[in-house]
C-alpha atoms as a PDB file:
ATOM      1  CA  UNK A   1     -16.331  23.142  -2.957  1.00  0.00           C
ATOM      2  CA  UNK A   2     -17.438  23.328  -7.290  1.00  0.00           C
ATOM      3  CA  UNK A   3     -19.229  20.964  -8.618  1.00  0.00           C
ATOM      4  CA  UNK A   4     -17.150  19.238 -11.517  1.00  0.00           C
ATOM      5  CA  UNK A   5     -19.577  18.880 -14.294  1.00  0.00           C
ATOM      6  CA  UNK A   6     -17.200  17.755 -16.792  1.00  0.00           C
ATOM      7  CA  UNK A   7     -18.283  14.056 -18.112  1.00  0.00           C
ATOM      8  CA  UNK A   8     -16.079  11.280 -17.223  1.00  0.00           C
ATOM      9  CA  UNK A   9     -14.549  10.902 -20.518  1.00  0.00           C
ATOM     10  CA  UNK A  10     -13.206  14.652 -20.636  1.00  0.00           C
ATOM     11  CA  UNK A  11     -11.701  14.854 -17.524  1.00  0.00           C
ATOM     12  CA  UNK A  12      -9.687  11.639 -18.230  1.00  0.00           C
ATOM     13  CA  UNK A  13      -8.224  13.658 -21.483  1.00  0.00           C
ATOM     14  CA  UNK A  14      -7.536  16.242 -19.338  1.00  0.00           C
ATOM     15  CA  UNK A  15      -5.616  14.444 -17.138  1.00  0.00           C
ATOM     16  CA  UNK A  16      -3.929  12.469 -19.699  1.00  0.00           C
ATOM     17  CA  UNK A  17      -2.957  16.404 -20.868  1.00  0.00           C
ATOM     18  CA  UNK A  18      -1.805  16.866 -17.610  1.00  0.00           C
ATOM     19  CA  UNK A  19       0.450  14.475 -17.387  1.00  0.00           C
ATOM     20  CA  UNK A  20       1.785  15.112 -20.883  1.00  0.00           C
ATOM     21  CA  UNK A  21       2.788  18.360 -20.090  1.00  0.00           C
ATOM     22  CA  UNK A  22       4.140  17.410 -16.752  1.00  0.00           C
ATOM     23  CA  UNK A  23       6.282  14.834 -18.726  1.00  0.00           C
ATOM     24  CA  UNK A  24       7.360  16.939 -21.417  1.00  0.00           C
ATOM     25  CA  UNK A  25       8.205  20.230 -20.019  1.00  0.00           C
ATOM     26  CA  UNK A  26       8.922  19.435 -16.017  1.00  0.00           C
ATOM     27  CA  UNK A  27      10.464  15.850 -16.263  1.00  0.00           C
ATOM     28  CA  UNK A  28      13.401  16.969 -18.279  1.00  0.00           C
ATOM     29  CA  UNK A  29      14.280  19.963 -15.970  1.00  0.00           C
ATOM     30  CA  UNK A  30      15.125  17.515 -13.452  1.00  0.00           C
ATOM     31  CA  UNK A  31      17.919  15.468 -12.900  1.00  0.00           C
ATOM     32  CA  UNK A  32      15.391  12.506 -11.033  1.00  0.00           C
ATOM     33  CA  UNK A  33      12.073  12.866 -10.737  1.00  0.00           C
ATOM     34  CA  UNK A  34      10.055  10.000  -9.339  1.00  0.00           C
ATOM     35  CA  UNK A  35       6.745   8.176 -10.464  1.00  0.00           C
ATOM     36  CA  UNK A  36       2.848   8.694  -9.295  1.00  0.00           C
ATOM     37  CA  UNK A  37       3.410  12.350  -9.283  1.00  0.00           C
ATOM     38  CA  UNK A  38       0.398  14.623  -9.180  1.00  0.00           C
ATOM     39  CA  UNK A  39       1.023  18.070 -10.286  1.00  0.00           C
ATOM     40  CA  UNK A  40      -2.193  20.055 -10.608  1.00  0.00           C
ATOM     41  CA  UNK A  41      -1.919  22.895 -13.163  1.00  0.00           C
ATOM     42  CA  UNK A  42       1.352  22.100 -14.581  1.00  0.00           C
ATOM     43  CA  UNK A  43       1.793  25.161 -16.626  1.00  0.00           C
ATOM     44  CA  UNK A  44       1.713  27.074 -13.385  1.00  0.00           C
ATOM     45  CA  UNK A  45       4.720  25.159 -11.926  1.00  0.00           C
ATOM     46  CA  UNK A  46       8.427  26.179 -12.852  1.00  0.00           C
ATOM     47  CA  UNK A  47      11.440  23.850 -12.280  1.00  0.00           C
ATOM     48  CA  UNK A  48      14.809  25.536 -13.393  1.00  0.00           C
ATOM     49  CA  UNK A  49      18.664  25.008 -12.636  1.00  0.00           C
ATOM     50  CA  UNK A  50      20.624  21.900 -12.229  1.00  0.00           C
ATOM     51  CA  UNK A  51      20.759  19.062  -9.563  1.00  0.00           C
ATOM     52  CA  UNK A  52      17.196  18.861  -9.057  1.00  0.00           C
ATOM     53  CA  UNK A  53      15.892  15.680  -7.757  1.00  0.00           C
ATOM     54  CA  UNK A  54      12.031  14.818  -6.853  1.00  0.00           C
ATOM     55  CA  UNK A  55      11.337  11.595  -5.048  1.00  0.00           C
ATOM     56  CA  UNK A  56       8.067   9.239  -5.813  1.00  0.00           C
ATOM     57  CA  UNK A  57       4.639  10.609  -5.107  1.00  0.00           C
ATOM     58  CA  UNK A  58       5.190  14.201  -5.528  1.00  0.00           C
ATOM     59  CA  UNK A  59       2.154  16.787  -5.863  1.00  0.00           C
ATOM     60  CA  UNK A  60       2.445  20.293  -6.178  1.00  0.00           C
ATOM     61  CA  UNK A  61      -0.494  22.636  -6.868  1.00  0.00           C
ATOM     62  CA  UNK A  62      -0.067  25.817  -9.727  1.00  0.00           C
ATOM     63  CA  UNK A  63      -2.300  28.420 -10.003  1.00  0.00           C
ATOM     64  CA  UNK A  64      -1.932  31.450 -12.038  1.00  0.00           C
ATOM     65  CA  UNK A  65      -1.027  34.182  -9.661  1.00  0.00           C
ATOM     66  CA  UNK A  66       0.589  31.475  -7.535  1.00  0.00           C
ATOM     67  CA  UNK A  67       2.908  29.331  -9.280  1.00  0.00           C
ATOM     68  CA  UNK A  68       5.240  26.630  -7.316  1.00  0.00           C
ATOM     69  CA  UNK A  69       8.674  27.328  -7.919  1.00  0.00           C
ATOM     70  CA  UNK A  70      11.821  25.122  -7.554  1.00  0.00           C
ATOM     71  CA  UNK A  71      15.179  26.762  -8.449  1.00  0.00           C
ATOM     72  CA  UNK A  72      18.866  26.304  -8.327  1.00  0.00           C
ATOM     73  CA  UNK A  73      21.147  29.273  -8.604  1.00  0.00           C
ATOM     74  CA  UNK A  74      24.698  27.825  -8.280  1.00  0.00           C
ATOM     75  CA  UNK A  75      27.728  30.036  -7.987  1.00  0.00           C
ATOM     76  CA  UNK A  76      28.963  28.385 -10.901  1.00  0.00           C
ATOM     77  CA  UNK A  77      27.743  26.175 -13.864  1.00  0.00           C
ATOM     78  CA  UNK A  78      26.483  22.931 -12.665  1.00  0.00           C
ATOM     79  CA  UNK A  79      26.840  23.577  -9.282  1.00  0.00           C
ATOM     80  CA  UNK A  80      24.119  23.491  -6.408  1.00  0.00           C
ATOM     81  CA  UNK A  81      21.258  21.183  -5.491  1.00  0.00           C
ATOM     82  CA  UNK A  82      17.843  20.321  -4.846  1.00  0.00           C
ATOM     83  CA  UNK A  83      16.777  17.080  -3.127  1.00  0.00           C
ATOM     84  CA  UNK A  84      13.283  16.469  -2.431  1.00  0.00           C
ATOM     85  CA  UNK A  85      12.032  13.165  -1.222  1.00  0.00           C
ATOM     86  CA  UNK A  86       9.298  10.854  -1.461  1.00  0.00           C
ATOM     87  CA  UNK A  87       5.599  12.033  -1.008  1.00  0.00           C
ATOM     88  CA  UNK A  88       6.354  15.923  -0.734  1.00  0.00           C
ATOM     89  CA  UNK A  89       3.566  18.405  -1.093  1.00  0.00           C
ATOM     90  CA  UNK A  90       4.132  21.821  -2.508  1.00  0.00           C
ATOM     91  CA  UNK A  91       0.809  23.981  -2.661  1.00  0.00           C
ATOM     92  CA  UNK A  92       0.354  27.395  -4.575  1.00  0.00           C
ATOM     93  CA  UNK A  93       2.922  29.775  -4.301  1.00  0.00           C
ATOM     94  CA  UNK A  94       5.757  27.854  -2.300  1.00  0.00           C
ATOM     95  CA  UNK A  95       8.961  28.224  -3.445  1.00  0.00           C
ATOM     96  CA  UNK A  96      12.495  26.276  -2.778  1.00  0.00           C
ATOM     97  CA  UNK A  97      15.462  28.524  -4.122  1.00  0.00           C
ATOM     98  CA  UNK A  98      19.108  26.904  -3.771  1.00  0.00           C
ATOM     99  CA  UNK A  99      22.088  28.492  -3.966  1.00  0.00           C
ATOM    100  CA  UNK A 100      24.396  25.449  -2.699  1.00  0.00           C
ATOM    101  CA  UNK A 101      22.288  22.816  -1.377  1.00  0.00           C
ATOM    102  CA  UNK A 102      18.658  22.388  -0.057  1.00  0.00           C
ATOM    103  CA  UNK A 103      17.238  19.101   1.141  1.00  0.00           C
ATOM    104  CA  UNK A 104      13.486  18.165   2.284  1.00  0.00           C
ATOM    105  CA  UNK A 105      12.620  14.992   3.604  1.00  0.00           C
ATOM    106  CA  UNK A 106       9.720  12.817   2.822  1.00  0.00           C
ATOM    107  CA  UNK A 107       6.169  13.743   3.633  1.00  0.00           C
ATOM    108  CA  UNK A 108       7.098  17.478   4.167  1.00  0.00           C
ATOM    109  CA  UNK A 109       4.182  20.004   3.330  1.00  0.00           C
ATOM    110  CA  UNK A 110       4.500  23.245   2.095  1.00  0.00           C
ATOM    111  CA  UNK A 111       1.392  25.260   2.932  1.00  0.00           C
ATOM    112  CA  UNK A 112       0.379  28.231   0.545  1.00  0.00           C
ATOM    113  CA  UNK A 113       3.198  31.210  -0.058  1.00  0.00           C
ATOM    114  CA  UNK A 114       5.871  28.525   2.012  1.00  0.00           C
ATOM    115  CA  UNK A 115       9.360  29.641   0.965  1.00  0.00           C
ATOM    116  CA  UNK A 116      12.681  28.047   1.813  1.00  0.00           C
ATOM    117  CA  UNK A 117      16.213  29.438   0.739  1.00  0.00           C
ATOM    118  CA  UNK A 118      19.820  28.653   1.584  1.00  0.00           C
ATOM    119  CA  UNK A 119      21.058  31.931   0.910  1.00  0.00           C
ATOM    120  CA  UNK A 120      20.649  35.950   1.110  1.00  0.00           C
ATOM    121  CA  UNK A 121      21.801  35.861  -2.530  1.00  0.00           C
ATOM    122  CA  UNK A 122      23.114  39.485  -1.985  1.00  0.00           C
ATOM    123  CA  UNK A 123      25.424  40.899   0.807  1.00  0.00           C
ATOM    124  CA  UNK A 124      24.764  44.033   3.009  1.00  0.00           C
ATOM    125  CA  UNK A 125      27.436  46.112   1.840  1.00  0.00           C
ATOM    126  CA  UNK A 126      28.135  44.668  -1.833  1.00  0.00           C
ATOM    127  CA  UNK A 127      24.982  43.926  -3.306  1.00  0.00           C
ATOM    128  CA  UNK A 128      26.713  42.506  -6.367  1.00  0.00           C
ATOM    129  CA  UNK A 129      28.204  39.932  -4.721  1.00  0.00           C
ATOM    130  CA  UNK A 130      26.899  36.791  -2.821  1.00  0.00           C
ATOM    131  CA  UNK A 131      27.989  35.824   0.346  1.00  0.00           C
ATOM    132  CA  UNK A 132      30.818  33.149   0.141  1.00  0.00           C
ATOM    133  CA  UNK A 133      29.905  30.727   2.845  1.00  0.00           C
ATOM    134  CA  UNK A 134      28.358  28.210   2.219  1.00  0.00           C
ATOM    135  CA  UNK A 135      24.793  27.706   4.438  1.00  0.00           C
ATOM    136  CA  UNK A 136      22.866  24.813   3.198  1.00  0.00           C
ATOM    137  CA  UNK A 137      19.099  24.344   4.749  1.00  0.00           C
ATOM    138  CA  UNK A 138      17.982  20.451   5.946  1.00  0.00           C
ATOM    139  CA  UNK A 139      14.253  20.040   6.540  1.00  0.00           C
ATOM    140  CA  UNK A 140      13.394  16.740   7.566  1.00  0.00           C
ATOM    141  CA  UNK A 141      10.855  14.276   7.351  1.00  0.00           C
ATOM    142  CA  UNK A 142       7.086  14.942   7.866  1.00  0.00           C
ATOM    143  CA  UNK A 143       7.721  18.365   8.457  1.00  0.00           C
ATOM    144  CA  UNK A 144       4.879  21.012   8.265  1.00  0.00           C
ATOM    145  CA  UNK A 145       5.413  24.362   6.796  1.00  0.00           C
ATOM    146  CA  UNK A 146       2.395  26.930   7.648  1.00  0.00           C
ATOM    147  CA  UNK A 147       0.934  29.591   5.411  1.00  0.00           C
ATOM    148  CA  UNK A 148       3.732  31.988   3.848  1.00  0.00           C
ATOM    149  CA  UNK A 149       6.181  30.764   6.656  1.00  0.00           C
ATOM    150  CA  UNK A 150      10.071  31.563   5.802  1.00  0.00           C
ATOM    151  CA  UNK A 151      13.063  29.103   6.504  1.00  0.00           C
ATOM    152  CA  UNK A 152      16.369  31.455   5.763  1.00  0.00           C
ATOM    153  CA  UNK A 153      20.025  30.298   5.114  1.00  0.00           C
ATOM    154  CA  UNK A 154      22.078  27.782   7.434  1.00  0.00           C
ATOM    155  CA  UNK A 155      18.719  26.019   8.885  1.00  0.00           C
ATOM    156  CA  UNK A 156      17.779  22.260   9.705  1.00  0.00           C
ATOM    157  CA  UNK A 157      14.510  21.550  10.897  1.00  0.00           C
ATOM    158  CA  UNK A 158      14.091  17.952  12.973  1.00  0.00           C
ATOM    159  CA  UNK A 159      11.652  15.376  11.879  1.00  0.00           C
ATOM    160  CA  UNK A 160       7.492  16.157  12.360  1.00  0.00           C
ATOM    161  CA  UNK A 161       7.740  19.496  13.301  1.00  0.00           C
ATOM    162  CA  UNK A 162       5.365  22.216  12.382  1.00  0.00           C
ATOM    163  CA  UNK A 163       6.461  25.932  11.339  1.00  0.00           C
ATOM    164  CA  UNK A 164       3.273  28.026  12.212  1.00  0.00           C
ATOM    165  CA  UNK A 165       1.871  30.374   9.570  1.00  0.00           C
ATOM    166  CA  UNK A 166       4.202  33.777   8.755  1.00  0.00           C
ATOM    167  CA  UNK A 167       6.948  32.749  10.961  1.00  0.00           C
ATOM    168  CA  UNK A 168      10.241  33.239  10.084  1.00  0.00           C
ATOM    169  CA  UNK A 169      13.005  30.305  10.871  1.00  0.00           C
ATOM    170  CA  UNK A 170      16.539  31.840  11.416  1.00  0.00           C
ATOM    171  CA  UNK A 171      17.700  29.030  13.479  1.00  0.00           C
ATOM    172  CA  UNK A 172      17.992  25.343  13.980  1.00  0.00           C
ATOM    173  CA  UNK A 173      14.603  23.663  15.132  1.00  0.00           C
ATOM    174  CA  UNK A 174      14.307  20.424  16.833  1.00  0.00           C
ATOM    175  CA  UNK A 175      11.974  17.736  15.893  1.00  0.00           C
ATOM    176  CA  UNK A 176       8.672  16.653  17.400  1.00  0.00           C
ATOM    177  CA  UNK A 177       8.228  20.661  17.949  1.00  0.00           C
ATOM    178  CA  UNK A 178       5.609  23.635  16.879  1.00  0.00           C
ATOM    179  CA  UNK A 179       7.783  27.252  16.163  1.00  0.00           C
ATOM    180  CA  UNK A 180       5.652  30.296  15.640  1.00  0.00           C
ATOM    181  CA  UNK A 181       6.752  34.085  15.465  1.00  0.00           C
ATOM    182  CA  UNK A 182       9.630  36.265  13.746  1.00  0.00           C
ATOM    183  CA  UNK A 183      12.283  35.127  14.204  1.00  0.00           C
ATOM    184  CA  UNK A 184      10.416  31.440  14.973  1.00  0.00           C
ATOM    185  CA  UNK A 185      10.741  29.902  18.796  1.00  0.00           C
ATOM    186  CA  UNK A 186       9.178  26.966  20.066  1.00  0.00           C
ATOM    187  CA  UNK A 187       5.999  27.124  21.576  1.00  0.00           C
ATOM    188  CA  UNK A 188       4.997  23.513  21.649  1.00  0.00           C
ATOM    189  CA  UNK A 189       6.236  20.464  22.228  1.00  0.00           C
ATOM    190  CA  UNK A 190       5.010  17.209  20.505  1.00  0.00           C
ATOM    191  CA  UNK A 191       4.397  13.646  21.645  1.00  0.00           C
ATOM    192  CA  UNK A 192       6.124  11.398  19.479  1.00  0.00           C
ATOM    193  CA  UNK A 193       4.690   8.565  21.566  1.00  0.00           C
ATOM    194  CA  UNK A 194       1.232   9.236  19.790  1.00  0.00           C
ATOM    195  CA  UNK A 195       2.956   8.191  16.757  1.00  0.00           C
ATOM    196  CA  UNK A 196       1.849  10.590  13.179  1.00  0.00           C
ATOM    197  CA  UNK A 197      -0.145   9.825  10.642  1.00  0.00           C
ATOM    198  CA  UNK A 198       1.865  10.616   7.360  1.00  0.00           C
ATOM    199  CA  UNK A 199       1.693  11.475   3.668  1.00  0.00           C
ATOM    200  CA  UNK A 200       3.917   8.302   3.189  1.00  0.00           C
ATOM    201  CA  UNK A 201       1.177   6.281   5.216  1.00  0.00           C
ATOM    202  CA  UNK A 202      -1.347   7.825   2.555  1.00  0.00           C
ATOM    203  CA  UNK A 203       0.804   6.923  -0.677  1.00  0.00           C
ATOM    204  CA  UNK A 204       1.786   3.569   0.624  1.00  0.00           C
ATOM    205  CA  UNK A 205      -0.151   1.846  -1.956  1.00  0.00           C
ATOM    206  CA  UNK A 206      -0.546   4.487  -4.571  1.00  0.00           C
ATOM    207  CA  UNK A 207      -1.602   2.141  -7.726  1.00  0.00           C
ATOM    208  CA  UNK A 208      -4.757   1.471  -5.349  1.00  0.00           C
ATOM    209  CA  UNK A 209      -5.214   5.126  -4.409  1.00  0.00           C
ATOM    210  CA  UNK A 210      -5.404   5.886  -8.253  1.00  0.00           C
ATOM    211  CA  UNK A 211      -7.549   3.165  -8.795  1.00  0.00           C
ATOM    212  CA  UNK A 212     -10.393   4.499  -6.054  1.00  0.00           C
ATOM    213  CA  UNK A 213     -10.181   7.948  -7.381  1.00  0.00           C
ATOM    214  CA  UNK A 214     -10.415   6.902 -10.548  1.00  0.00           C
ATOM    215  CA  UNK A 215     -13.547   4.873  -9.700  1.00  0.00           C
ATOM    216  CA  UNK A 216     -14.954   7.933  -7.542  1.00  0.00           C
ATOM    217  CA  UNK A 217     -14.650   9.802 -10.768  1.00  0.00           C
ATOM    218  CA  UNK A 218     -16.283   7.297 -13.026  1.00  0.00           C
ATOM    219  CA  UNK A 219     -19.338   7.100 -10.485  1.00  0.00           C
ATOM    220  CA  UNK A 220     -19.562  11.597  -9.932  1.00  0.00           C
ATOM    221  CA  UNK A 221     -19.082  12.357 -13.226  1.00  0.00           C
ATOM    222  CA  UNK A 222     -20.295   9.412 -15.203  1.00  0.00           C
ATOM    223  CA  UNK A 223     -23.885  11.036 -15.757  1.00  0.00           C
ATOM    224  CA  UNK A 224     -22.813  14.433 -17.061  1.00  0.00           C
ATOM    225  CA  UNK A 225     -23.706  15.656 -20.293  1.00  0.00           C
ATOM    226  CA  UNK A 226     -20.670  17.207 -22.489  1.00  0.00           C
ATOM    227  CA  UNK A 227     -23.495  19.907 -23.572  1.00  0.00           C
ATOM    228  CA  UNK A 228     -24.449  21.039 -20.275  1.00  0.00           C
ATOM    229  CA  UNK A 229     -21.160  21.323 -19.151  1.00  0.00           C
ATOM    230  CA  UNK A 230     -20.300  23.434 -22.653  1.00  0.00           C
ATOM    231  CA  UNK A 231     -23.291  25.439 -21.826  1.00  0.00           C
ATOM    232  CA  UNK A 232     -21.552  26.393 -18.178  1.00  0.00           C
ATOM    233  CA  UNK A 233     -18.100  27.056 -19.703  1.00  0.00           C
ATOM    234  CA  UNK A 234     -19.879  29.853 -22.286  1.00  0.00           C
ATOM    235  CA  UNK A 235     -23.021  30.759 -20.246  1.00  0.00           C
ATOM    236  CA  UNK A 236     -21.684  30.173 -16.302  1.00  0.00           C
ATOM    237  CA  UNK A 237     -25.518  31.394 -15.134  1.00  0.00           C
ATOM    238  CA  UNK A 238     -26.918  28.145 -16.665  1.00  0.00           C
ATOM    239  CA  UNK A 239     -25.130  26.296 -13.983  1.00  0.00           C
ATOM    240  CA  UNK A 240     -27.450  27.749 -11.501  1.00  0.00           C
ATOM    241  CA  UNK A 241     -30.411  26.711 -13.322  1.00  0.00           C
ATOM    242  CA  UNK A 242     -29.276  23.048 -12.722  1.00  0.00           C
ATOM    243  CA  UNK A 243     -29.826  23.389  -8.661  1.00  0.00           C
END
C-alpha cells in the first residue's frame, strides 16, 4: 500500500471536502441517503433518476476509469426505483441500472465491475422498444457479488450467497450457496450454522469506528511534513530518497 505522506491536518481538510461534495452533489439525487456514508472520490460516483434510496453506512469507491453508477431509467417520468440497504459496499466500476425495481439487502458487497440490471433495455426484434414485462431484481442480505459478476433481469438472490467472479446470473439463486459460470449454477453449499461475520457487524458502532480511524490517522500522519508532501507531489522521485 502506498504510504500516505500528507500531514494529519491536510487529510482532515480533504475528508471534509469529500463529505461536502457528497452532501452537495450526491445526497440531493437520492430520495433517502442514510448517515455515516464513506464515499471515496465521490466525483467519480454517478447517481441519477428518481426513487433511489440508500441506507446507513454506505461505502462507494469511485475511480477515474471505473466509476460507480446507480441509475433509474423508468418507463415514464417518476417511475422505477432502487432501494439499497444498510452497510452496502460498491467497489470501483460497479453499476446498478433499474428500469422498474432493484432492491439490495443489508451488507451486500459489489466487487470491482459487478453489474445488476432488471431489464434488457431493448427487445430482440424491436431495438427501439423496452420489453413490456416487469422483471424486478431482489438481492438478499450479506450477498457477495464477485469481480465483474452480472445479475440479469427477474433474478432473486438469497441471503449470504456468493456470486463468483465473471458469473452471469440468469435464474434465482437460493440462500447460502456459491454460484459460478455462465449461466451461473450452484457449485458449493455454505453452512449457515457456522455463522457469518458481516458488514453489519463491522458497522455496529459507526461513531466508535470513525473515532478509531481518526486516532490511527493522528498517530500515523501526525509527524508528516507539509513541505515534504508538497515536494513529493511536484517531484515524485523525492519519495524514494526518504526511504
